[in-house]
Amino acid sequence: MYYKAQQGDTWDKIAKIVYDNEFKAQILMESNFELLDILVFAGGEKVLCPFEDVSYDKSNLPDWRK
């Protein structure tokens, strides 16, 4: 599913809208590497919103990211 960002949206705000939990912003960020340089969305960006039970391979991440 995709979410069309509105002007002023942030990662945690989108996570709150999509997942009803702002702490799941990491799921969105890990799925949208091309948008990671955006802190506050201008509006119109398509943000991929995977199902929240998506698990990522964390074996190659540094310990502080696991």
N, C-alpha and C. Protein backbone atom coordinates (compact mmCIF):
# COMPACT_ATOMS: atom_id res chain seq x y z
N MET A 1 0.83 -1.16 0.00
CA MET A 1 0.00 0.00 0.00
C MET A 1 0.89 1.24 0.00
N TYR A 2 0.43 2.28 -0.65
CA TYR A 2 1.16 3.54 -0.67
C TYR A 2 0.35 4.62 0.03
N TYR A 3 1.06 5.52 0.66
CA TYR A 3 0.46 6.69 1.28
C TYR A 3 0.97 7.91 0.53
N LYS A 4 0.09 8.78 0.13
CA LYS A 4 0.50 10.02 -0.54
C LYS A 4 0.73 11.07 0.54
N ALA A 5 1.99 11.48 0.69
CA ALA A 5 2.35 12.42 1.75
C ALA A 5 1.68 13.77 1.53
N GLN A 6 1.31 14.37 2.64
CA GLN A 6 0.73 15.70 2.64
C GLN A 6 1.81 16.69 3.10
N GLN A 7 1.69 17.92 2.70
CA GLN A 7 2.66 18.93 3.12
C GLN A 7 2.73 18.98 4.65
N GLY A 8 3.96 18.91 5.16
CA GLY A 8 4.17 18.96 6.60
C GLY A 8 4.22 17.61 7.29
N ASP A 9 3.93 16.53 6.56
CA ASP A 9 4.03 15.19 7.15
C ASP A 9 5.47 14.89 7.54
N THR A 10 5.62 14.10 8.58
CA THR A 10 6.91 13.58 8.99
C THR A 10 6.79 12.06 9.07
N TRP A 11 7.92 11.38 9.22
CA TRP A 11 7.89 9.91 9.25
C TRP A 11 7.00 9.41 10.38
N ASP A 12 7.14 9.99 11.56
CA ASP A 12 6.34 9.50 12.68
C ASP A 12 4.86 9.84 12.52
N LYS A 13 4.57 10.97 11.90
CA LYS A 13 3.16 11.32 11.67
C LYS A 13 2.52 10.33 10.68
N ILE A 14 3.26 9.97 9.63
CA ILE A 14 2.73 9.01 8.66
C ILE A 14 2.53 7.65 9.33
N ALA A 15 3.49 7.23 10.17
CA ALA A 15 3.36 5.96 10.89
C ALA A 15 2.13 5.98 11.80
N LYS A 16 1.85 7.10 12.42
CA LYS A 16 0.66 7.21 13.28
C LYS A 16 -0.60 7.08 12.44
N ILE A 17 -0.62 7.69 11.26
CA ILE A 17 -1.79 7.63 10.38
C ILE A 17 -1.99 6.21 9.85
N VAL A 18 -0.91 5.60 9.37
CA VAL A 18 -1.01 4.30 8.70
C VAL A 18 -1.14 3.14 9.70
N TYR A 19 -0.30 3.15 10.74
CA TYR A 19 -0.24 2.03 11.68
C TYR A 19 -0.86 2.34 13.04
N ASP A 20 -1.30 3.56 13.22
CA ASP A 20 -1.81 4.03 14.52
C ASP A 20 -0.75 3.89 15.61
N ASN A 21 0.52 4.06 15.20
CA ASN A 21 1.63 3.96 16.14
C ASN A 21 2.82 4.70 15.55
N GLU A 22 3.12 5.86 16.09
CA GLU A 22 4.23 6.67 15.56
C GLU A 22 5.58 6.01 15.73
N PHE A 23 5.69 5.05 16.64
CA PHE A 23 6.96 4.37 16.86
C PHE A 23 7.28 3.35 15.76
N LYS A 24 6.38 3.15 14.83
CA LYS A 24 6.63 2.25 13.71
C LYS A 24 7.17 2.99 12.49
N ALA A 25 7.64 4.20 12.70
CA ALA A 25 8.23 4.99 11.61
C ALA A 25 9.42 4.25 10.99
N GLN A 26 10.11 3.45 11.79
CA GLN A 26 11.26 2.70 11.29
C GLN A 26 10.87 1.76 10.15
N ILE A 27 9.69 1.16 10.23
CA ILE A 27 9.21 0.28 9.15
C ILE A 27 9.12 1.07 7.85
N LEU A 28 8.58 2.27 7.93
CA LEU A 28 8.45 3.11 6.74
C LEU A 28 9.82 3.52 6.20
N MET A 29 10.70 3.92 7.09
CA MET A 29 12.02 4.38 6.67
C MET A 29 12.83 3.27 6.03
N GLU A 30 12.73 2.06 6.57
CA GLU A 30 13.47 0.92 6.01
C GLU A 30 12.92 0.51 4.65
N SER A 31 11.69 0.89 4.34
CA SER A 31 11.05 0.52 3.08
C SER A 31 11.13 1.62 2.03
N ASN A 32 11.68 2.77 2.39
CA ASN A 32 11.70 3.92 1.49
C ASN A 32 13.05 4.63 1.52
N PHE A 33 14.12 3.87 1.23
CA PHE A 33 15.47 4.42 1.29
C PHE A 33 15.62 5.67 0.44
N GLU A 34 14.93 5.73 -0.68
CA GLU A 34 15.07 6.86 -1.59
C GLU A 34 14.48 8.15 -1.01
N LEU A 35 13.73 8.05 0.05
CA LEU A 35 13.11 9.22 0.68
C LEU A 35 13.75 9.60 2.01
N LEU A 36 14.80 8.91 2.41
CA LEU A 36 15.36 9.11 3.74
C LEU A 36 15.94 10.50 3.97
N ASP A 37 16.25 11.23 2.92
CA ASP A 37 16.79 12.58 3.11
C ASP A 37 15.69 13.59 3.46
N ILE A 38 14.45 13.16 3.44
CA ILE A 38 13.32 14.04 3.74
C ILE A 38 12.98 13.95 5.23
N LEU A 39 12.97 15.10 5.90
CA LEU A 39 12.54 15.15 7.29
C LEU A 39 11.08 15.59 7.38
N VAL A 40 10.74 16.62 6.59
CA VAL A 40 9.37 17.11 6.52
C VAL A 40 8.97 17.06 5.04
N PHE A 41 7.92 16.32 4.75
CA PHE A 41 7.51 16.11 3.37
C PHE A 41 6.88 17.36 2.77
N ALA A 42 7.18 17.59 1.51
CA ALA A 42 6.63 18.75 0.79
C ALA A 42 5.19 18.48 0.37
N GLY A 43 4.86 17.22 0.18
CA GLY A 43 3.52 16.82 -0.26
C GLY A 43 3.59 16.18 -1.63
N GLY A 44 2.87 15.09 -1.78
CA GLY A 44 2.81 14.39 -3.07
C GLY A 44 3.73 13.19 -3.18
N GLU A 45 4.68 13.02 -2.26
CA GLU A 45 5.57 11.87 -2.32
C GLU A 45 4.80 10.60 -2.03
N LYS A 46 5.14 9.52 -2.76
CA LYS A 46 4.51 8.22 -2.52
C LYS A 46 5.38 7.44 -1.54
N VAL A 47 4.81 7.13 -0.40
CA VAL A 47 5.52 6.41 0.66
C VAL A 47 4.98 4.99 0.70
N LEU A 48 5.86 4.02 0.46
CA LEU A 48 5.49 2.62 0.53
C LEU A 48 5.24 2.25 1.98
N CYS A 49 4.09 1.66 2.26
CA CYS A 49 3.70 1.27 3.61
C CYS A 49 3.44 -0.23 3.64
N PRO A 50 4.47 -1.02 3.96
CA PRO A 50 4.27 -2.48 3.98
C PRO A 50 3.41 -2.87 5.17
N PHE A 51 2.89 -4.08 5.11
CA PHE A 51 2.17 -4.60 6.26
C PHE A 51 3.10 -4.56 7.45
N GLU A 52 2.60 -4.23 8.60
CA GLU A 52 3.46 -4.01 9.76
C GLU A 52 4.15 -5.26 10.28
N ASP A 53 3.72 -6.44 9.86
CA ASP A 53 4.38 -7.65 10.32
C ASP A 53 5.57 -8.03 9.45
N VAL A 54 5.96 -7.15 8.54
CA VAL A 54 7.12 -7.40 7.69
C VAL A 54 8.34 -7.48 8.58
N SER A 55 9.11 -8.53 8.42
CA SER A 55 10.34 -8.64 9.19
C SER A 55 11.53 -8.41 8.26
N TYR A 56 12.52 -7.76 8.77
CA TYR A 56 13.70 -7.43 7.98
C TYR A 56 14.87 -8.27 8.47
N ASP A 57 15.77 -8.57 7.54
CA ASP A 57 16.97 -9.30 7.89
C ASP A 57 17.90 -8.33 8.62
N LYS A 58 18.04 -8.51 9.91
CA LYS A 58 18.84 -7.61 10.71
C LYS A 58 20.23 -8.17 10.99
N SER A 59 20.58 -9.28 10.38
CA SER A 59 21.84 -9.94 10.68
C SER A 59 23.05 -9.11 10.24
N ASN A 60 22.89 -8.27 9.22
CA ASN A 60 24.03 -7.50 8.74
C ASN A 60 24.04 -6.07 9.29
N LEU A 61 23.16 -5.77 10.24
CA LEU A 61 23.13 -4.44 10.85
C LEU A 61 24.11 -4.37 12.01
N PRO A 62 24.64 -3.19 12.30
CA PRO A 62 25.48 -3.05 13.49
C PRO A 62 24.64 -3.32 14.74
N ASP A 63 25.29 -3.69 15.82
CA ASP A 63 24.59 -4.05 17.05
C ASP A 63 23.65 -2.96 17.53
N TRP A 64 24.04 -1.71 17.39
CA TRP A 64 23.19 -0.62 17.89
C TRP A 64 21.90 -0.45 17.09
N ARG A 65 21.81 -1.05 15.89
CA ARG A 65 20.61 -0.96 15.06
C ARG A 65 19.69 -2.16 15.21
N LYS A 66 20.14 -3.19 15.90
CA LYS A 66 19.35 -4.42 16.04
C LYS A 66 18.32 -4.28 17.12
